[in-house]
Amino acid sequence: MAKHKLDLHDIFNKGDQIDRALDEAMAFCVDRRIPMLEIIPGKGSGQLKKKVIRYLQQPRVKKLYHRIDKDSDNFGRLFVRFKH
């Protein structure tokens, strides 16, 4: 299955860049009909993962995807599955 990966480790403390990177990754998947986006906020304190989940719950973003899965083996990773 084709998927796109977004690793947020390098910009974990730059809020505006995180939103921009998420916007770009979501648009990339939608435009190319890629069925899954893997987002890696990392394990850390959990704050970045919470920020990513808050981002994904915005109405303008939520309408783009079908569901979010958390990786049962690695809690520092999320999968966004698209409707296409």
PDB file of N, CA and C in Angstrom:
ATOM      1  N   MET A   1       0.844  -1.189   0.000  1.00  0.00           N
ATOM      2  CA  MET A   1       0.000   0.000   0.000  1.00  0.00           C
ATOM      3  C   MET A   1       0.883   1.244   0.000  1.00  0.00           C
ATOM      4  N   ALA A   2       0.546   2.174  -0.856  1.00  0.00           N
ATOM      5  CA  ALA A   2       1.309   3.421  -0.919  1.00  0.00           C
ATOM      6  C   ALA A   2       1.016   4.257   0.317  1.00  0.00           C
ATOM      7  N   LYS A   3       2.050   4.856   0.845  1.00  0.00           N
ATOM      8  CA  LYS A   3       1.842   5.778   1.952  1.00  0.00           C
ATOM      9  C   LYS A   3       2.890   6.871   1.898  1.00  0.00           C
ATOM     10  N   HIS A   4       2.577   7.959   2.576  1.00  0.00           N
ATOM     11  CA  HIS A   4       3.483   9.102   2.670  1.00  0.00           C
ATOM     12  C   HIS A   4       3.875   9.211   4.136  1.00  0.00           C
ATOM     13  N   LYS A   5       5.108   9.607   4.398  1.00  0.00           N
ATOM     14  CA  LYS A   5       5.588   9.674   5.775  1.00  0.00           C
ATOM     15  C   LYS A   5       5.977  11.103   6.124  1.00  0.00           C
ATOM     16  N   LEU A   6       5.561  11.542   7.301  1.00  0.00           N
ATOM     17  CA  LEU A   6       5.926  12.858   7.821  1.00  0.00           C
ATOM     18  C   LEU A   6       6.552  12.667   9.191  1.00  0.00           C
ATOM     19  N   ASP A   7       7.841  12.944   9.290  1.00  0.00           N
ATOM     20  CA  ASP A   7       8.572  12.822  10.553  1.00  0.00           C
ATOM     21  C   ASP A   7       8.732  14.220  11.134  1.00  0.00           C
ATOM     22  N   LEU A   8       8.183  14.436  12.328  1.00  0.00           N
ATOM     23  CA  LEU A   8       8.190  15.765  12.931  1.00  0.00           C
ATOM     24  C   LEU A   8       9.336  15.971  13.922  1.00  0.00           C
ATOM     25  N   HIS A   9      10.240  15.026  14.038  1.00  0.00           N
ATOM     26  CA  HIS A   9      11.329  15.145  15.004  1.00  0.00           C
ATOM     27  C   HIS A   9      12.117  16.458  14.863  1.00  0.00           C
ATOM     28  N   ASP A  10      12.403  16.855  13.632  1.00  0.00           N
ATOM     29  CA  ASP A  10      13.266  18.024  13.417  1.00  0.00           C
ATOM     30  C   ASP A  10      12.600  19.359  13.757  1.00  0.00           C
ATOM     31  N   ILE A  11      11.284  19.398  13.784  1.00  0.00           N
ATOM     32  CA  ILE A  11      10.588  20.676  14.014  1.00  0.00           C
ATOM     33  C   ILE A  11       9.654  20.594  15.220  1.00  0.00           C
ATOM     34  N   PHE A  12       9.943  19.691  16.160  1.00  0.00           N
ATOM     35  CA  PHE A  12       9.028  19.417  17.265  1.00  0.00           C
ATOM     36  C   PHE A  12       8.686  20.649  18.098  1.00  0.00           C
ATOM     37  N   ASN A  13       9.558  21.650  18.124  1.00  0.00           N
ATOM     38  CA  ASN A  13       9.309  22.817  18.975  1.00  0.00           C
ATOM     39  C   ASN A  13       8.967  24.069  18.182  1.00  0.00           C
ATOM     40  N   LYS A  14       8.567  23.898  16.925  1.00  0.00           N
ATOM     41  CA  LYS A  14       8.236  25.044  16.071  1.00  0.00           C
ATOM     42  C   LYS A  14       6.788  24.914  15.604  1.00  0.00           C
ATOM     43  N   GLY A  15       5.870  25.424  16.406  1.00  0.00           N
ATOM     44  CA  GLY A  15       4.446  25.237  16.175  1.00  0.00           C
ATOM     45  C   GLY A  15       3.949  25.601  14.793  1.00  0.00           C
ATOM     46  N   ASP A  16       4.385  26.766  14.276  1.00  0.00           N
ATOM     47  CA  ASP A  16       3.896  27.194  12.965  1.00  0.00           C
ATOM     48  C   ASP A  16       4.410  26.273  11.862  1.00  0.00           C
ATOM     49  N   GLN A  17       5.633  25.802  12.002  1.00  0.00           N
ATOM     50  CA  GLN A  17       6.184  24.879  10.998  1.00  0.00           C
ATOM     51  C   GLN A  17       5.491  23.526  11.056  1.00  0.00           C
ATOM     52  N   ILE A  18       5.085  23.123  12.241  1.00  0.00           N
ATOM     53  CA  ILE A  18       4.391  21.838  12.389  1.00  0.00           C
ATOM     54  C   ILE A  18       3.064  21.885  11.629  1.00  0.00           C
ATOM     55  N   ASP A  19       2.292  22.946  11.839  1.00  0.00           N
ATOM     56  CA  ASP A  19       1.010  23.070  11.130  1.00  0.00           C
ATOM     57  C   ASP A  19       1.225  23.112   9.617  1.00  0.00           C
ATOM     58  N   ARG A  20       2.239  23.849   9.183  1.00  0.00           N
ATOM     59  CA  ARG A  20       2.521  23.959   7.748  1.00  0.00           C
ATOM     60  C   ARG A  20       2.918  22.592   7.179  1.00  0.00           C
ATOM     61  N   ALA A  21       3.765  21.861   7.910  1.00  0.00           N
ATOM     62  CA  ALA A  21       4.194  20.535   7.458  1.00  0.00           C
ATOM     63  C   ALA A  21       3.004  19.581   7.395  1.00  0.00           C
ATOM     64  N   LEU A  22       2.110  19.662   8.367  1.00  0.00           N
ATOM     65  CA  LEU A  22       0.908  18.818   8.362  1.00  0.00           C
ATOM     66  C   LEU A  22       0.000  19.188   7.197  1.00  0.00           C
ATOM     67  N   ASP A  23      -0.208  20.495   6.977  1.00  0.00           N
ATOM     68  CA  ASP A  23      -1.029  20.947   5.843  1.00  0.00           C
ATOM     69  C   ASP A  23      -0.467  20.412   4.527  1.00  0.00           C
ATOM     70  N   GLU A  24       0.865  20.541   4.362  1.00  0.00           N
ATOM     71  CA  GLU A  24       1.494  20.101   3.115  1.00  0.00           C
ATOM     72  C   GLU A  24       1.384  18.588   2.931  1.00  0.00           C
ATOM     73  N   ALA A  25       1.587  17.830   4.002  1.00  0.00           N
ATOM     74  CA  ALA A  25       1.519  16.370   3.907  1.00  0.00           C
ATOM     75  C   ALA A  25       0.099  15.907   3.593  1.00  0.00           C
ATOM     76  N   MET A  26      -0.897  16.543   4.225  1.00  0.00           N
ATOM     77  CA  MET A  26      -2.289  16.186   3.957  1.00  0.00           C
ATOM     78  C   MET A  26      -2.629  16.488   2.495  1.00  0.00           C
ATOM     79  N   ALA A  27      -2.242  17.667   2.016  1.00  0.00           N
ATOM     80  CA  ALA A  27      -2.522  18.056   0.631  1.00  0.00           C
ATOM     81  C   ALA A  27      -1.815  17.115  -0.351  1.00  0.00           C
ATOM     82  N   PHE A  28      -0.587  16.735  -0.031  1.00  0.00           N
ATOM     83  CA  PHE A  28       0.176  15.825  -0.882  1.00  0.00           C
ATOM     84  C   PHE A  28      -0.589  14.515  -1.063  1.00  0.00           C
ATOM     85  N   CYS A  29      -1.083  13.965   0.054  1.00  0.00           N
ATOM     86  CA  CYS A  29      -1.810  12.687  -0.005  1.00  0.00           C
ATOM     87  C   CYS A  29      -3.133  12.822  -0.748  1.00  0.00           C
ATOM     88  N   VAL A  30      -3.849  13.898  -0.491  1.00  0.00           N
ATOM     89  CA  VAL A  30      -5.141  14.109  -1.155  1.00  0.00           C
ATOM     90  C   VAL A  30      -4.938  14.289  -2.658  1.00  0.00           C
ATOM     91  N   ASP A  31      -3.990  15.147  -3.028  1.00  0.00           N
ATOM     92  CA  ASP A  31      -3.747  15.442  -4.448  1.00  0.00           C
ATOM     93  C   ASP A  31      -3.323  14.201  -5.230  1.00  0.00           C
ATOM     94  N   ARG A  32      -2.562  13.343  -4.593  1.00  0.00           N
ATOM     95  CA  ARG A  32      -2.031  12.160  -5.280  1.00  0.00           C
ATOM     96  C   ARG A  32      -2.811  10.879  -4.956  1.00  0.00           C
ATOM     97  N   ARG A  33      -3.900  11.047  -4.216  1.00  0.00           N
ATOM     98  CA  ARG A  33      -4.756   9.916  -3.841  1.00  0.00           C
ATOM     99  C   ARG A  33      -3.958   8.820  -3.134  1.00  0.00           C
ATOM    100  N   ILE A  34      -3.062   9.232  -2.265  1.00  0.00           N
ATOM    101  CA  ILE A  34      -2.292   8.286  -1.452  1.00  0.00           C
ATOM    102  C   ILE A  34      -3.179   7.896  -0.269  1.00  0.00           C
ATOM    103  N   PRO A  35      -3.383   6.596  -0.052  1.00  0.00           N
ATOM    104  CA  PRO A  35      -4.367   6.163   0.943  1.00  0.00           C
ATOM    105  C   PRO A  35      -3.964   6.343   2.402  1.00  0.00           C
ATOM    106  N   MET A  36      -2.663   6.516   2.680  1.00  0.00           N
ATOM    107  CA  MET A  36      -2.269   6.595   4.075  1.00  0.00           C
ATOM    108  C   MET A  36      -1.125   7.577   4.280  1.00  0.00           C
ATOM    109  N   LEU A  37      -1.242   8.351   5.363  1.00  0.00           N
ATOM    110  CA  LEU A  37      -0.175   9.238   5.800  1.00  0.00           C
ATOM    111  C   LEU A  37       0.303   8.744   7.150  1.00  0.00           C
ATOM    112  N   GLU A  38       1.589   8.463   7.251  1.00  0.00           N
ATOM    113  CA  GLU A  38       2.190   8.064   8.527  1.00  0.00           C
ATOM    114  C   GLU A  38       2.812   9.312   9.130  1.00  0.00           C
ATOM    115  N   ILE A  39       2.356   9.679  10.324  1.00  0.00           N
ATOM    116  CA  ILE A  39       2.889  10.853  11.008  1.00  0.00           C
ATOM    117  C   ILE A  39       3.687  10.364  12.208  1.00  0.00           C
ATOM    118  N   ILE A  40       4.915  10.846  12.325  1.00  0.00           N
ATOM    119  CA  ILE A  40       5.778  10.426  13.427  1.00  0.00           C
ATOM    120  C   ILE A  40       6.069  11.631  14.315  1.00  0.00           C
ATOM    121  N   PRO A  41       5.256  11.805  15.377  1.00  0.00           N
ATOM    122  CA  PRO A  41       5.549  12.888  16.310  1.00  0.00           C
ATOM    123  C   PRO A  41       6.652  12.500  17.295  1.00  0.00           C
ATOM    124  N   GLY A  42       6.963  11.217  17.371  1.00  0.00           N
ATOM    125  CA  GLY A  42       7.968  10.756  18.317  1.00  0.00           C
ATOM    126  C   GLY A  42       7.345  10.475  19.673  1.00  0.00           C
ATOM    127  N   LYS A  43       8.142   9.956  20.567  1.00  0.00           N
ATOM    128  CA  LYS A  43       7.611   9.512  21.851  1.00  0.00           C
ATOM    129  C   LYS A  43       7.651  10.597  22.909  1.00  0.00           C
ATOM    130  N   GLY A  44       8.733  11.289  23.090  1.00  0.00           N
ATOM    131  CA  GLY A  44       8.835  12.443  23.990  1.00  0.00           C
ATOM    132  C   GLY A  44       7.822  12.525  25.101  1.00  0.00           C
ATOM    133  N   SER A  45       7.359  13.740  25.375  1.00  0.00           N
ATOM    134  CA  SER A  45       6.413  13.971  26.477  1.00  0.00           C
ATOM    135  C   SER A  45       4.974  13.719  26.063  1.00  0.00           C
ATOM    136  N   GLY A  46       4.747  13.550  24.774  1.00  0.00           N
ATOM    137  CA  GLY A  46       3.385  13.353  24.287  1.00  0.00           C
ATOM    138  C   GLY A  46       2.713  14.638  23.837  1.00  0.00           C
ATOM    139  N   GLN A  47       3.351  15.781  24.084  1.00  0.00           N
ATOM    140  CA  GLN A  47       2.743  17.063  23.718  1.00  0.00           C
ATOM    141  C   GLN A  47       2.605  17.225  22.209  1.00  0.00           C
ATOM    142  N   LEU A  48       3.614  16.789  21.476  1.00  0.00           N
ATOM    143  CA  LEU A  48       3.559  16.927  20.018  1.00  0.00           C
ATOM    144  C   LEU A  48       2.468  16.038  19.437  1.00  0.00           C
ATOM    145  N   LYS A  49       2.336  14.824  19.961  1.00  0.00           N
ATOM    146  CA  LYS A  49       1.284  13.926  19.481  1.00  0.00           C
ATOM    147  C   LYS A  49      -0.084  14.542  19.758  1.00  0.00           C
ATOM    148  N   LYS A  50      -0.251  15.170  20.933  1.00  0.00           N
ATOM    149  CA  LYS A  50      -1.525  15.826  21.256  1.00  0.00           C
ATOM    150  C   LYS A  50      -1.788  16.968  20.279  1.00  0.00           C
ATOM    151  N   LYS A  51      -0.740  17.716  19.938  1.00  0.00           N
ATOM    152  CA  LYS A  51      -0.894  18.818  18.986  1.00  0.00           C
ATOM    153  C   LYS A  51      -1.324  18.282  17.621  1.00  0.00           C
ATOM    154  N   VAL A  52      -0.716  17.180  17.189  1.00  0.00           N
ATOM    155  CA  VAL A  52      -1.064  16.569  15.902  1.00  0.00           C
ATOM    156  C   VAL A  52      -2.526  16.124  15.921  1.00  0.00           C
ATOM    157  N   ILE A  53      -2.948  15.494  16.999  1.00  0.00           N
ATOM    158  CA  ILE A  53      -4.341  15.027  17.102  1.00  0.00           C
ATOM    159  C   ILE A  53      -5.301  16.218  17.102  1.00  0.00           C
ATOM    160  N   ARG A  54      -4.947  17.294  17.807  1.00  0.00           N
ATOM    161  CA  ARG A  54      -5.786  18.506  17.779  1.00  0.00           C
ATOM    162  C   ARG A  54      -5.879  19.060  16.360  1.00  0.00           C
ATOM    163  N   TYR A  55      -4.762  19.075  15.660  1.00  0.00           N
ATOM    164  CA  TYR A  55      -4.750  19.529  14.266  1.00  0.00           C
ATOM    165  C   TYR A  55      -5.707  18.680  13.429  1.00  0.00           C
ATOM    166  N   LEU A  56      -5.606  17.358  13.587  1.00  0.00           N
ATOM    167  CA  LEU A  56      -6.425  16.436  12.791  1.00  0.00           C
ATOM    168  C   LEU A  56      -7.913  16.544  13.117  1.00  0.00           C
ATOM    169  N   GLN A  57      -8.246  17.064  14.295  1.00  0.00           N
ATOM    170  CA  GLN A  57      -9.652  17.162  14.689  1.00  0.00           C
ATOM    171  C   GLN A  57     -10.313  18.457  14.228  1.00  0.00           C
ATOM    172  N   GLN A  58      -9.555  19.364  13.617  1.00  0.00           N
ATOM    173  CA  GLN A  58     -10.158  20.585  13.081  1.00  0.00           C
ATOM    174  C   GLN A  58     -11.122  20.204  11.951  1.00  0.00           C
ATOM    175  N   PRO A  59     -12.295  20.830  11.916  1.00  0.00           N
ATOM    176  CA  PRO A  59     -13.285  20.469  10.882  1.00  0.00           C
ATOM    177  C   PRO A  59     -12.746  20.525   9.455  1.00  0.00           C
ATOM    178  N   ARG A  60     -11.932  21.539   9.132  1.00  0.00           N
ATOM    179  CA  ARG A  60     -11.404  21.661   7.755  1.00  0.00           C
ATOM    180  C   ARG A  60     -10.471  20.509   7.411  1.00  0.00           C
ATOM    181  N   VAL A  61      -9.837  19.923   8.418  1.00  0.00           N
ATOM    182  CA  VAL A  61      -8.907  18.821   8.198  1.00  0.00           C
ATOM    183  C   VAL A  61      -9.650  17.488   8.263  1.00  0.00           C
ATOM    184  N   LYS A  62     -10.563  17.395   9.213  1.00  0.00           N
ATOM    185  CA  LYS A  62     -11.276  16.135   9.456  1.00  0.00           C
ATOM    186  C   LYS A  62     -12.036  15.644   8.227  1.00  0.00           C
ATOM    187  N   LYS A  63     -12.522  16.588   7.417  1.00  0.00           N
ATOM    188  CA  LYS A  63     -13.287  16.185   6.232  1.00  0.00           C
ATOM    189  C   LYS A  63     -12.410  15.536   5.158  1.00  0.00           C
ATOM    190  N   LEU A  64     -11.089  15.648   5.295  1.00  0.00           N
ATOM    191  CA  LEU A  64     -10.174  15.108   4.292  1.00  0.00           C
ATOM    192  C   LEU A  64      -9.889  13.616   4.462  1.00  0.00           C
ATOM    193  N   TYR A  65     -10.036  13.116   5.687  1.00  0.00           N
ATOM    194  CA  TYR A  65      -9.626  11.734   5.935  1.00  0.00           C
ATOM    195  C   TYR A  65     -10.755  10.882   6.493  1.00  0.00           C
ATOM    196  N   HIS A  66     -10.529   9.587   6.480  1.00  0.00           N
ATOM    197  CA  HIS A  66     -11.518   8.611   6.930  1.00  0.00           C
ATOM    198  C   HIS A  66     -11.362   8.306   8.416  1.00  0.00           C
ATOM    199  N   ARG A  67     -10.137   7.964   8.837  1.00  0.00           N
ATOM    200  CA  ARG A  67      -9.913   7.667  10.246  1.00  0.00           C
ATOM    201  C   ARG A  67      -8.424   7.780  10.591  1.00  0.00           C
ATOM    202  N   ILE A  68      -8.175   7.802  11.910  1.00  0.00           N
ATOM    203  CA  ILE A  68      -6.804   7.827  12.421  1.00  0.00           C
ATOM    204  C   ILE A  68      -6.582   6.537  13.195  1.00  0.00           C
ATOM    205  N   ASP A  69      -5.457   5.897  12.934  1.00  0.00           N
ATOM    206  CA  ASP A  69      -5.079   4.701  13.699  1.00  0.00           C
ATOM    207  C   ASP A  69      -3.808   5.007  14.462  1.00  0.00           C
ATOM    208  N   LYS A  70      -3.773   4.543  15.719  1.00  0.00           N
ATOM    209  CA  LYS A  70      -2.542   4.645  16.487  1.00  0.00           C
ATOM    210  C   LYS A  70      -1.796   3.333  16.321  1.00  0.00           C
ATOM    211  N   ASP A  71      -0.512   3.411  16.208  1.00  0.00           N
ATOM    212  CA  ASP A  71       0.313   2.213  16.052  1.00  0.00           C
ATOM    213  C   ASP A  71       0.373   1.490  17.394  1.00  0.00           C
ATOM    214  N   SER A  72      -0.092   0.266  17.442  1.00  0.00           N
ATOM    215  CA  SER A  72      -0.122  -0.472  18.706  1.00  0.00           C
ATOM    216  C   SER A  72       1.273  -0.862  19.181  1.00  0.00           C
ATOM    217  N   ASP A  73       2.241  -0.908  18.272  1.00  0.00           N
ATOM    218  CA  ASP A  73       3.605  -1.283  18.647  1.00  0.00           C
ATOM    219  C   ASP A  73       4.494  -0.081  18.930  1.00  0.00           C
ATOM    220  N   ASN A  74       4.085   1.100  18.446  1.00  0.00           N
ATOM    221  CA  ASN A  74       4.932   2.280  18.573  1.00  0.00           C
ATOM    222  C   ASN A  74       4.031   3.484  18.821  1.00  0.00           C
ATOM    223  N   PHE A  75       3.922   3.914  20.080  1.00  0.00           N
ATOM    224  CA  PHE A  75       2.980   5.001  20.382  1.00  0.00           C
ATOM    225  C   PHE A  75       3.457   6.350  19.863  1.00  0.00           C
ATOM    226  N   GLY A  76       4.641   6.418  19.266  1.00  0.00           N
ATOM    227  CA  GLY A  76       5.131   7.654  18.672  1.00  0.00           C
ATOM    228  C   GLY A  76       4.788   7.764  17.200  1.00  0.00           C
ATOM    229  N   ARG A  77       3.740   7.037  16.786  1.00  0.00           N
ATOM    230  CA  ARG A  77       3.400   7.018  15.359  1.00  0.00           C
ATOM    231  C   ARG A  77       1.875   6.951  15.186  1.00  0.00           C
ATOM    232  N   LEU A  78       1.377   7.723  14.219  1.00  0.00           N
ATOM    233  CA  LEU A  78      -0.058   7.737  13.880  1.00  0.00           C
ATOM    234  C   LEU A  78      -0.213   7.474  12.387  1.00  0.00           C
ATOM    235  N   PHE A  79      -1.330   6.875  12.023  1.00  0.00           N
ATOM    236  CA  PHE A  79      -1.645   6.671  10.615  1.00  0.00           C
ATOM    237  C   PHE A  79      -2.955   7.370  10.301  1.00  0.00           C
ATOM    238  N   VAL A  80      -2.940   8.205   9.277  1.00  0.00           N
ATOM    239  CA  VAL A  80      -4.155   8.871   8.809  1.00  0.00           C
ATOM    240  C   VAL A  80      -4.576   8.140   7.546  1.00  0.00           C
ATOM    241  N   ARG A  81      -5.792   7.628   7.552  1.00  0.00           N
ATOM    242  CA  ARG A  81      -6.309   6.891   6.390  1.00  0.00           C
ATOM    243  C   ARG A  81      -7.315   7.767   5.650  1.00  0.00           C
ATOM    244  N   PHE A  82      -7.112   7.881   4.342  1.00  0.00           N
ATOM    245  CA  PHE A  82      -7.934   8.790   3.535  1.00  0.00           C
ATOM    246  C   PHE A  82      -9.105   8.058   2.886  1.00  0.00           C
ATOM    247  N   LYS A  83     -10.131   8.831   2.550  1.00  0.00           N
ATOM    248  CA  LYS A  83     -11.364   8.287   1.950  1.00  0.00           C
ATOM    249  C   LYS A  83     -11.220   7.987   0.471  1.00  0.00           C
ATOM    250  N   HIS A  84     -10.567   8.863  -0.277  1.00  0.00           N
ATOM    251  CA  HIS A  84     -10.432   8.800  -1.747  1.00  0.00           C
ATOM    252  C   HIS A  84     -11.531   7.971  -2.376  1.00  0.00           C
TER     253      HIS A  84
END
